[in-house]
Amino acid sequence: MARDVEDASFDDLPLSERAREAVHRLGWRAPTPIQRLAIPQLAMGRDVIGRAETGSGKTAAFGLVLADQVKAPGLQALVLAPTRELVVQIARDLNALAEGAPFRAVPVYGGVPYDEQLKALADPQTTCVVATTGRLLDLLARKQVLLDRVRFVVLDEADRMLDLGFLPEVERVLKLIPGGRQTALFTATMPKKVALLAHQYMAHPREMEVGPQTPETAEHYRVDVASPHKLPALVALLQKERPPRCLVFVRTRDGAARLAADLVREGVLATPLHGDLTQAQRERIVANLREGRDALVVATDVAARGLDFPAITHVVNYDVPEEAEQYVHRAGRTARAGREGRVFTLVTENDGAHAEAAQRAAKRKLEPYPLRFSSAQGDLVDTAKTPVTPAKVERAGGNARGARRKNKPTPPKAASQRVDPEEEAADTSPSKEFDLPPSRRERRQ
C-alpha cells in the first residue's frame, strides 16, 4: 500500500546517505510531488520530462541525483536555463545540495566579464556548468569549454527558453554533446515546440506531471479601481497591509522604473528590478530581497519565473498579466514551503477579462478588497462604494466613428521623435530581459 503524501520521506527515495543528510540539514521534511516522481527515474538513468510549476522543487529533483552520480573530476553535467538570475540561483542551490560530494557547479552567463568564469571552467574540480545559451555558445566558439565528457543534461524552464526564441541555440548546444547522455527536461507547460524538442533529443523519456496550481496557503484579492487612481490605491494598500517583503509586478521595464520612482516620491521605499539594469545591479537587488534588506521591489516578469524568494509575504499585480498562466507564476512567488501569503490584483476598467482569466487559471476566487484613500485631486475614493465601469470595446469597422479614425492620417513625427522600427521592436520584446541570442546581443552593445 502506497504511503500518503504527508508520510512521504526522503528516506524512501534512492538517494545516498550524504544526500539525505543534505536535505535534513536544509530543514526539508518531505519530498515534493515532482521530487517523488522524478528522483527514482533519474536515479535509474532514464530520460525524464517533468511538467511542474515554478517553486515545485525541480532543482532538488535533478540536483540530488546529479550530486550522487558525478563522482570524478571534470565537466560531466550541463544545466541550461533561460535567465541569468536563474542560472546563479540553480548553481548556488546545486552546491548546497552537493555539500560533501565531489561535485561543483559554476554559473556561466552574459553581461559580466569573462575572467572569473574562465577561471572556474579551468578548475578540474568543476563538474557541472549551469548556463544561459548565449554565453555558453560564445565560450564554445572560443574553445574555452568542451562538452565531450558531458553525460547529464538538464533543460530547466524549457518552455520559457523557447518562448524567448532560444530554440536554435538550445539545439546547437545539444548537437555538441555526445550521444548516450541522460537528459532531463523540466517545463511548466508543454507547447508543441517543447514536445518536438523532447522527441528529437531524448530517448524514451518518462513523463510526469504535477498540475499547475497556486500555493494553497495564499489568499487572493482584487482591488477594483479606476485607472487614474491606481497609484494612490497602491500606496493605500501598502500602508494598510505593511508587507514585510513584497513584489509588485508591472508589464514593462519603463513601467517598473516609473512606478518605483512614483512610490519613492510618495514616501514608500521601492526598488525597480528589470532588464535594463546591469547584471551587477540585478544580482544585488535579488540578494537584498532574498535576505530581507529590501522590503519592496517593483519587478517585471523577469522575477515571476524560477527565482526563489522564500520569504515573500505579499505579491501585488499593479498591472494585470495579459496571459492567465503568468498570474499563477506571479502568485507562486509568495506562500512558499507552506508559509502564508497574500496576492492582490488592481483591476481597472480595462482589465476585467484578464482578471477573470487569471481567476480561472488560479482556480481561486479573487475576493474584493475594499480601500479608502484620497485621489490625486484630493477626493475621497471608497472602492467598496465606487463601482468601476468596464471600458467599451469597439469592434473593428463596426461604426462610422471607427472608420473615420482608421482613415484619418497620422501626423508625421518630428525628426527628434522618430523611432527606428527595429529599435522599437527590440525595446518592447520581453526577451531583452534575458540573455539574448548573439545576433540580437550585438545590437544592444
Protein backbone atom coordinates (compact mmCIF):
# COMPACT_ATOMS: atom_id res chain seq x y z
CA MET A 1 0.00 0.00 0.00
CA ALA A 2 1.42 3.39 -1.05
CA ARG A 3 2.24 5.86 1.67
CA ASP A 4 0.22 9.06 1.94
CA VAL A 5 1.81 12.28 0.72
CA GLU A 6 2.07 13.52 4.30
CA ASP A 7 4.04 10.39 5.29
CA ALA A 8 6.46 10.53 2.32
CA SER A 9 10.11 10.74 3.24
CA PHE A 10 13.43 11.32 1.51
CA ASP A 11 14.46 8.01 3.11
CA ASP A 12 12.10 6.27 0.66
CA LEU A 13 13.96 7.65 -2.37
CA PRO A 14 17.07 6.10 -3.99
CA LEU A 15 19.48 8.67 -2.57
CA SER A 16 22.82 8.32 -0.83
CA GLU A 17 23.17 8.83 2.90
CA ARG A 18 25.10 12.02 2.12
CA ALA A 19 22.15 13.35 0.07
CA ARG A 20 19.69 12.55 2.87
CA GLU A 21 21.90 14.38 5.35
CA ALA A 22 21.98 17.37 2.98
CA VAL A 23 18.17 17.68 2.81
CA HIS A 24 17.83 17.24 6.57
CA ARG A 25 20.46 19.92 7.09
CA LEU A 26 18.41 22.23 4.85
CA GLY A 27 15.35 21.57 7.00
CA TRP A 28 13.31 19.72 4.38
CA ARG A 29 10.93 17.24 5.96
CA ALA A 30 9.36 15.57 2.94
CA PRO A 31 9.89 15.48 -0.85
CA THR A 32 7.59 17.48 -3.11
CA PRO A 33 5.43 15.64 -5.68
CA ILE A 34 7.85 16.27 -8.56
CA GLN A 35 10.74 15.06 -6.41
CA ARG A 36 8.91 11.85 -5.50
CA LEU A 37 8.17 11.19 -9.16
CA ALA A 38 11.41 12.27 -10.83
CA ILE A 39 14.18 11.16 -8.46
CA PRO A 40 13.62 7.37 -8.85
CA GLN A 41 13.52 7.63 -12.65
CA LEU A 42 16.60 9.87 -12.82
CA ALA A 43 18.50 7.60 -10.42
CA MET A 44 17.86 4.70 -12.83
CA GLY A 45 19.47 6.67 -15.65
CA ARG A 46 16.27 7.34 -17.59
CA ASP A 47 15.41 10.48 -19.52
CA VAL A 48 12.69 12.46 -17.79
CA ILE A 49 10.14 15.11 -18.79
CA GLY A 50 8.75 16.85 -15.73
CA ARG A 51 5.84 19.25 -16.00
CA ALA A 52 5.68 21.31 -12.85
CA GLU A 53 5.25 24.91 -11.84
CA THR A 54 7.90 27.25 -10.52
CA GLY A 55 8.59 26.57 -6.87
CA SER A 56 7.75 22.86 -7.06
CA GLY A 57 11.26 21.67 -6.14
CA LYS A 58 12.59 20.80 -9.60
CA THR A 59 16.17 21.87 -8.83
CA ALA A 60 16.44 19.42 -5.95
CA ALA A 61 14.79 16.71 -8.08
CA PHE A 62 17.70 16.67 -10.51
CA GLY A 63 20.34 18.19 -8.23
CA LEU A 64 20.30 15.45 -5.61
CA VAL A 65 20.73 12.80 -8.29
CA LEU A 66 23.49 14.70 -10.10
CA ALA A 67 25.48 15.08 -6.88
CA ASP A 68 25.17 11.32 -6.27
CA GLN A 69 26.04 10.29 -9.84
CA VAL A 70 29.05 12.56 -10.51
CA LYS A 71 31.97 11.00 -8.65
CA ALA A 72 35.08 12.11 -10.57
CA PRO A 73 36.67 15.45 -11.55
CA GLY A 74 35.95 17.09 -14.89
CA LEU A 75 32.91 18.62 -16.57
CA GLN A 76 30.20 15.95 -16.75
CA ALA A 77 26.90 17.80 -16.24
CA LEU A 78 25.26 20.74 -18.02
CA VAL A 79 22.16 22.67 -16.95
CA LEU A 80 20.61 25.22 -19.35
CA ALA A 81 18.27 27.91 -18.02
CA PRO A 82 16.65 30.99 -19.61
CA THR A 83 17.73 33.80 -17.28
CA ARG A 84 20.92 34.97 -15.68
CA GLU A 85 19.32 35.18 -12.24
CA LEU A 86 18.00 31.63 -12.53
CA VAL A 87 21.45 30.38 -13.56
CA VAL A 88 23.02 31.92 -10.45
CA GLN A 89 20.28 30.53 -8.24
CA ILE A 90 20.49 26.98 -9.64
CA ALA A 91 24.28 26.87 -9.26
CA ARG A 92 24.03 28.06 -5.67
CA ASP A 93 21.32 25.52 -4.83
CA LEU A 94 23.17 22.63 -6.50
CA ASN A 95 26.30 23.35 -4.48
CA ALA A 96 24.27 23.42 -1.26
CA LEU A 97 22.65 20.06 -2.14
CA ALA A 98 26.04 18.57 -3.05
CA GLU A 99 27.85 19.50 0.15
CA GLY A 100 30.29 16.71 0.97
CA ALA A 101 30.27 15.30 -2.58
CA PRO A 102 32.97 15.72 -5.28
CA PHE A 103 30.58 17.98 -7.19
CA ARG A 104 30.95 21.66 -8.02
CA ALA A 105 28.57 23.74 -10.16
CA VAL A 106 29.62 27.06 -11.69
CA PRO A 107 27.30 29.67 -13.24
CA VAL A 108 28.02 30.88 -16.79
CA TYR A 109 26.02 33.82 -18.16
CA GLY A 110 26.40 37.02 -20.14
CA GLY A 111 26.56 40.63 -19.03
CA VAL A 112 29.65 40.16 -16.85
CA PRO A 113 33.41 39.89 -17.57
CA TYR A 114 34.81 36.54 -18.66
CA ASP A 115 37.71 36.27 -16.22
CA GLU A 116 36.00 34.68 -13.22
CA GLN A 117 34.00 32.28 -15.37
CA LEU A 118 37.08 31.19 -17.35
CA LYS A 119 38.98 30.60 -14.13
CA ALA A 120 36.16 28.42 -12.76
CA LEU A 121 35.88 26.46 -16.01
CA ALA A 122 39.61 25.74 -16.00
CA ASP A 123 39.42 24.24 -12.50
CA PRO A 124 39.36 20.40 -12.77
CA GLN A 125 37.10 20.30 -9.69
CA THR A 126 34.30 21.90 -11.73
CA THR A 127 31.91 19.08 -12.62
CA CYS A 128 28.78 20.98 -13.66
CA VAL A 129 28.10 24.13 -15.71
CA VAL A 130 24.82 26.00 -15.28
CA ALA A 131 24.50 28.35 -18.24
CA THR A 132 22.46 30.58 -20.46
CA THR A 133 22.79 29.53 -24.07
CA GLY A 134 24.25 32.81 -25.36
CA ARG A 135 27.34 32.92 -23.13
CA LEU A 136 27.86 29.14 -23.38
CA LEU A 137 27.93 29.22 -27.19
CA ASP A 138 30.29 32.19 -27.03
CA LEU A 139 32.71 30.20 -24.83
CA LEU A 140 32.35 27.13 -27.04
CA ALA A 141 33.27 29.22 -30.10
CA ARG A 142 36.35 30.46 -28.21
CA LYS A 143 37.18 26.83 -27.27
CA GLN A 144 37.12 27.81 -23.60
CA VAL A 145 34.80 24.96 -22.66
CA LEU A 146 34.40 21.41 -24.01
CA LEU A 147 31.30 19.26 -23.75
CA ASP A 148 32.78 15.96 -24.96
CA ARG A 149 32.60 14.36 -21.49
CA VAL A 150 29.13 15.60 -20.55
CA ARG A 151 26.88 12.70 -19.50
CA PHE A 152 24.00 14.58 -17.91
CA VAL A 153 21.96 17.42 -19.44
CA VAL A 154 19.12 19.34 -17.81
CA LEU A 155 16.87 21.85 -19.61
CA ASP A 156 15.16 23.91 -16.93
CA GLU A 157 12.18 26.19 -17.65
CA ALA A 158 12.26 24.80 -21.20
CA ASP A 159 9.03 26.48 -22.27
CA ARG A 160 10.38 29.86 -21.20
CA MET A 161 13.61 29.34 -23.14
CA LEU A 162 11.69 28.52 -26.29
CA ASP A 163 9.22 31.38 -25.77
CA LEU A 164 12.20 33.74 -25.80
CA GLY A 165 13.44 32.41 -29.13
CA PHE A 166 16.32 30.29 -27.86
CA LEU A 167 15.34 27.04 -29.62
CA PRO A 168 18.10 27.31 -32.28
CA GLU A 169 20.70 27.93 -29.59
CA VAL A 170 19.46 25.05 -27.42
CA GLU A 171 19.66 22.72 -30.42
CA ARG A 172 23.17 23.90 -31.28
CA VAL A 173 24.32 23.05 -27.76
CA LEU A 174 22.63 19.64 -27.71
CA LYS A 175 24.25 18.68 -31.01
CA LEU A 176 27.68 19.26 -29.46
CA ILE A 177 27.10 16.76 -26.63
CA PRO A 178 27.89 13.06 -27.21
CA GLY A 179 25.08 10.58 -27.67
CA GLY A 180 24.13 8.26 -24.86
CA ARG A 181 23.71 11.11 -22.40
CA GLN A 182 20.92 11.26 -19.86
CA THR A 183 18.59 14.23 -20.45
CA ALA A 184 16.02 15.78 -18.13
CA LEU A 185 13.61 18.46 -19.31
CA PHE A 186 11.54 20.48 -16.85
CA THR A 187 8.80 22.81 -18.02
CA ALA A 188 5.66 24.47 -16.69
CA THR A 189 3.76 23.96 -19.96
CA MET A 190 4.14 21.64 -22.93
CA PRO A 191 3.73 23.67 -26.14
CA LYS A 192 4.35 21.95 -29.44
CA LYS A 193 7.92 23.28 -29.73
CA VAL A 194 8.89 21.74 -26.39
CA ALA A 195 7.30 18.41 -27.33
CA LEU A 196 9.20 18.35 -30.64
CA LEU A 197 12.46 19.18 -28.89
CA ALA A 198 11.93 16.33 -26.44
CA HIS A 199 11.04 13.90 -29.23
CA GLN A 200 14.19 14.75 -31.18
CA TYR A 201 16.78 14.84 -28.40
CA MET A 202 15.52 12.47 -25.69
CA ALA A 203 15.45 8.67 -25.54
CA HIS A 204 12.13 7.16 -24.44
CA PRO A 205 11.60 9.77 -21.72
CA ARG A 206 9.40 9.04 -18.72
CA GLU A 207 6.78 11.78 -18.48
CA MET A 208 5.37 13.06 -15.21
CA GLU A 209 3.14 15.99 -14.37
CA VAL A 210 2.33 17.94 -11.25
CA GLY A 211 -0.70 20.03 -12.07
CA PRO A 212 -0.39 23.83 -12.18
CA GLN A 213 -1.67 25.41 -9.02
CA THR A 214 -1.21 28.42 -6.86
CA PRO A 215 0.01 27.83 -3.30
CA GLU A 216 -2.75 26.51 -1.05
CA THR A 217 -1.78 28.92 1.71
CA ALA A 218 -2.11 32.07 -0.43
CA GLU A 219 -5.10 34.40 -0.18
CA HIS A 220 -6.22 36.17 -3.38
CA TYR A 221 -7.83 39.61 -3.58
CA ARG A 222 -8.86 42.14 -6.22
CA VAL A 223 -8.98 45.90 -5.80
CA ASP A 224 -11.36 47.44 -8.35
CA VAL A 225 -10.10 50.93 -9.09
CA ALA A 226 -10.31 53.44 -11.94
CA SER A 227 -7.11 53.84 -13.93
CA PRO A 228 -6.33 57.41 -12.72
CA HIS A 229 -6.46 56.17 -9.11
CA LYS A 230 -4.09 53.20 -9.41
CA LEU A 231 -1.08 54.83 -7.77
CA PRO A 232 -2.90 56.23 -4.70
CA ALA A 233 -4.73 52.89 -4.40
CA LEU A 234 -1.39 51.04 -4.34
CA VAL A 235 0.02 53.42 -1.73
CA ALA A 236 -3.10 52.97 0.41
CA LEU A 237 -2.86 49.17 0.04
CA LEU A 238 0.79 49.14 1.12
CA GLN A 239 0.05 51.42 4.08
CA LYS A 240 -2.81 49.18 5.15
CA GLU A 241 -1.00 45.85 4.72
CA ARG A 242 2.54 46.94 5.68
CA PRO A 243 4.12 43.91 3.97
CA PRO A 244 7.48 42.75 5.36
CA ARG A 245 8.59 41.63 1.88
CA CYS A 246 6.62 42.46 -1.24
CA LEU A 247 6.90 42.03 -5.01
CA VAL A 248 4.88 44.47 -7.14
CA PHE A 249 4.53 43.29 -10.75
CA VAL A 250 4.21 45.52 -13.81
CA ARG A 251 4.30 44.70 -17.52
CA THR A 252 7.22 46.76 -18.82
CA ARG A 253 10.71 47.85 -17.86
CA ASP A 254 9.81 51.53 -18.17
CA GLY A 255 6.74 50.89 -16.03
CA ALA A 256 8.86 49.33 -13.29
CA ALA A 257 11.25 52.28 -13.21
CA ARG A 258 8.42 54.85 -13.24
CA LEU A 259 6.35 53.13 -10.55
CA ALA A 260 9.32 52.68 -8.22
CA ALA A 261 10.15 56.40 -8.61
CA ASP A 262 6.50 57.36 -8.02
CA LEU A 263 6.38 55.26 -4.84
CA VAL A 264 9.56 56.88 -3.53
CA ARG A 265 8.00 60.31 -4.12
CA GLU A 266 5.01 59.09 -2.09
CA GLY A 267 7.29 58.14 0.78
CA VAL A 268 7.38 54.38 0.06
CA LEU A 269 10.85 52.85 -0.30
CA ALA A 270 10.85 50.83 -3.53
CA THR A 271 13.49 49.33 -5.82
CA PRO A 272 12.94 48.51 -9.53
CA LEU A 273 14.04 45.15 -10.98
CA HIS A 274 14.06 44.89 -14.78
CA GLY A 275 16.21 44.03 -17.77
CA ASP A 276 17.67 47.50 -18.38
CA LEU A 277 19.70 47.29 -15.17
CA THR A 278 23.26 45.99 -15.24
CA GLN A 279 23.83 42.40 -14.22
CA ALA A 280 25.57 43.52 -11.02
CA GLN A 281 22.60 45.73 -10.10
CA ARG A 282 20.11 42.92 -10.71
CA GLU A 283 22.11 40.44 -8.66
CA ARG A 284 22.37 42.90 -5.77
CA ILE A 285 18.60 43.56 -5.80
CA VAL A 286 17.78 39.84 -5.89
CA ALA A 287 20.17 39.18 -2.99
CA ASN A 288 18.79 42.12 -0.97
CA LEU A 289 15.21 40.97 -1.42
CA ARG A 290 16.06 37.36 -0.60
CA GLU A 291 17.93 38.40 2.56
CA GLY A 292 15.38 40.98 3.67
CA ARG A 293 17.41 44.15 3.09
CA ASP A 294 14.84 45.37 0.54
CA ALA A 295 11.20 45.24 1.63
CA LEU A 296 9.54 46.19 -1.66
CA VAL A 297 10.68 45.53 -5.23
CA VAL A 298 8.81 46.62 -8.36
CA ALA A 299 9.52 43.97 -10.99
CA THR A 300 8.73 42.87 -14.48
CA ASP A 301 8.02 39.21 -15.10
CA VAL A 302 11.77 38.52 -15.01
CA ALA A 303 11.10 37.82 -11.31
CA ALA A 304 7.99 35.68 -11.86
CA ARG A 305 9.64 32.52 -13.15
CA GLY A 306 12.21 30.40 -11.40
CA LEU A 307 13.67 32.85 -8.90
CA ASP A 308 13.36 31.66 -5.32
CA PHE A 309 12.32 34.27 -2.75
CA PRO A 310 11.24 32.03 0.12
CA ALA A 311 10.01 34.73 2.47
CA ILE A 312 7.88 36.94 0.17
CA THR A 313 4.72 37.76 2.12
CA HIS A 314 2.82 39.81 -0.50
CA VAL A 315 2.51 39.89 -4.28
CA VAL A 316 0.75 42.83 -5.93
CA ASN A 317 -0.25 42.80 -9.59
CA TYR A 318 -0.17 46.52 -10.32
CA ASP A 319 -0.68 45.55 -13.97
CA VAL A 320 -2.94 42.56 -14.52
CA PRO A 321 -0.97 39.96 -16.51
CA GLU A 322 -2.17 39.61 -20.08
CA GLU A 323 -1.56 35.85 -20.03
CA ALA A 324 -3.56 33.97 -17.40
CA GLU A 325 -0.76 31.49 -16.67
CA GLN A 326 1.51 34.38 -15.76
CA TYR A 327 -0.80 35.14 -12.85
CA VAL A 328 -0.06 31.68 -11.46
CA HIS A 329 3.68 32.24 -11.82
CA ARG A 330 3.49 35.63 -10.10
CA ALA A 331 1.31 34.30 -7.29
CA GLY A 332 3.80 31.48 -6.81
CA ARG A 333 6.36 33.97 -5.51
CA THR A 334 4.57 34.00 -2.14
CA ALA A 335 3.28 31.34 0.28
CA ARG A 336 6.30 29.15 -0.41
CA ALA A 337 7.01 25.98 1.58
CA GLY A 338 3.70 26.14 3.43
CA ARG A 339 4.04 29.76 4.53
CA GLU A 340 1.10 32.13 4.33
CA GLY A 341 0.91 34.80 1.64
CA ARG A 342 -1.41 37.36 0.09
CA VAL A 343 -1.88 38.19 -3.60
CA PHE A 344 -3.53 41.47 -4.65
CA THR A 345 -4.56 42.49 -8.16
CA LEU A 346 -5.50 46.03 -9.13
CA VAL A 347 -8.34 45.73 -11.65
CA THR A 348 -9.22 48.78 -13.76
CA GLU A 349 -11.99 49.36 -16.30
CA ASN A 350 -9.72 47.80 -18.96
CA ASP A 351 -8.74 44.67 -17.03
CA GLY A 352 -11.97 42.77 -16.46
CA ALA A 353 -11.40 39.99 -19.00
CA HIS A 354 -7.77 39.45 -17.94
CA ALA A 355 -8.77 39.32 -14.26
CA GLU A 356 -11.44 36.71 -14.98
CA ALA A 357 -8.93 34.63 -16.94
CA ALA A 358 -6.41 34.87 -14.09
CA GLN A 359 -9.05 33.71 -11.65
CA ARG A 360 -9.81 30.66 -13.79
CA ALA A 361 -6.12 29.82 -14.21
CA ALA A 362 -5.51 30.05 -10.46
CA LYS A 363 -8.72 28.16 -9.66
CA ARG A 364 -9.26 30.67 -6.90
CA LYS A 365 -11.80 33.42 -6.47
CA LEU A 366 -10.29 36.88 -6.25
CA GLU A 367 -12.11 38.29 -3.23
CA PRO A 368 -12.99 42.02 -3.29
CA TYR A 369 -10.68 44.07 -1.07
CA PRO A 370 -12.10 47.46 -0.01
CA LEU A 371 -9.86 50.51 0.18
CA ARG A 372 -10.42 54.13 1.17
CA PHE A 373 -7.92 56.72 0.01
CA SER A 374 -7.58 60.25 -1.34
CA SER A 375 -7.17 60.63 -5.09
CA ALA A 376 -4.50 62.84 -6.66
CA GLN A 377 -7.15 65.59 -6.78
CA GLY A 378 -7.90 65.23 -3.06
CA ASP A 379 -11.25 63.46 -3.48
CA LEU A 380 -12.08 60.58 -1.14
CA VAL A 381 -12.33 57.26 -3.01
CA ASP A 382 -14.04 54.24 -1.45
CA THR A 383 -13.60 51.21 -3.72
CA ALA A 384 -16.46 49.41 -1.97
CA LYS A 385 -18.86 52.20 -2.97
CA THR A 386 -17.36 53.36 -6.28
CA PRO A 387 -18.02 50.75 -8.96
CA VAL A 388 -15.63 50.68 -11.90
CA THR A 389 -17.40 50.74 -15.26
CA PRO A 390 -15.79 48.39 -17.80
CA ALA A 391 -14.41 50.15 -20.85
CA LYS A 392 -16.35 49.61 -24.06
CA VAL A 393 -14.55 47.55 -26.67
CA GLU A 394 -15.21 48.81 -30.19
CA ARG A 395 -15.49 46.23 -32.91
CA ALA A 396 -13.19 46.67 -35.87
CA GLY A 397 -15.03 48.58 -38.60
CA GLY A 398 -18.21 48.42 -36.52
CA ASN A 399 -19.24 52.07 -36.78
CA ALA A 400 -18.57 55.24 -38.67
CA ARG A 401 -16.54 56.68 -35.83
CA GLY A 402 -14.13 53.77 -36.01
CA ALA A 403 -13.97 54.02 -39.79
CA ARG A 404 -13.17 57.71 -39.62
CA ARG A 405 -10.41 57.10 -37.11
CA LYS A 406 -8.98 54.32 -39.27
CA ASN A 407 -8.82 56.53 -42.36
CA LYS A 408 -7.54 59.61 -40.60
CA PRO A 409 -3.87 60.14 -41.48
CA THR A 410 -1.38 60.18 -38.61
CA PRO A 411 0.62 63.42 -38.47
CA PRO A 412 4.35 62.83 -39.03
CA LYS A 413 6.64 62.94 -36.01
CA ALA A 414 9.43 65.42 -35.75
CA ALA A 415 12.83 64.01 -36.65
CA SER A 416 13.89 64.04 -33.00
CA GLN A 417 10.85 61.94 -32.06
CA ARG A 418 11.17 59.27 -34.72
CA VAL A 419 12.00 55.76 -33.56
CA ASP A 420 13.71 53.10 -35.63
CA PRO A 421 11.15 50.28 -36.03
CA GLU A 422 13.77 47.64 -35.15
CA GLU A 423 14.78 49.52 -32.00
CA GLU A 424 11.14 49.93 -31.02
CA ALA A 425 10.51 46.21 -31.53
CA ALA A 426 13.57 45.32 -29.51
CA ASP A 427 12.51 47.63 -26.69
CA THR A 428 9.07 46.05 -26.33
CA SER A 429 10.29 42.47 -26.53
CA PRO A 430 10.37 40.66 -23.18
CA SER A 431 13.45 38.75 -24.34
CA LYS A 432 15.53 41.88 -23.77
CA GLU A 433 15.40 40.98 -20.11
CA PHE A 434 17.23 37.74 -20.73
CA ASP A 435 20.48 36.54 -22.25
CA LEU A 436 19.92 37.38 -25.92
CA PRO A 437 21.00 35.37 -28.95
CA PRO A 438 24.29 36.69 -30.42
CA SER A 439 22.64 38.38 -33.41
CA ARG A 440 20.43 40.48 -31.12
CA ARG A 441 23.00 40.92 -28.38
CA GLU A 442 25.36 42.75 -30.73
CA ARG A 443 22.75 45.37 -31.47
CA ARG A 444 22.42 46.21 -27.78
CA GLN A 445 26.14 46.75 -27.23
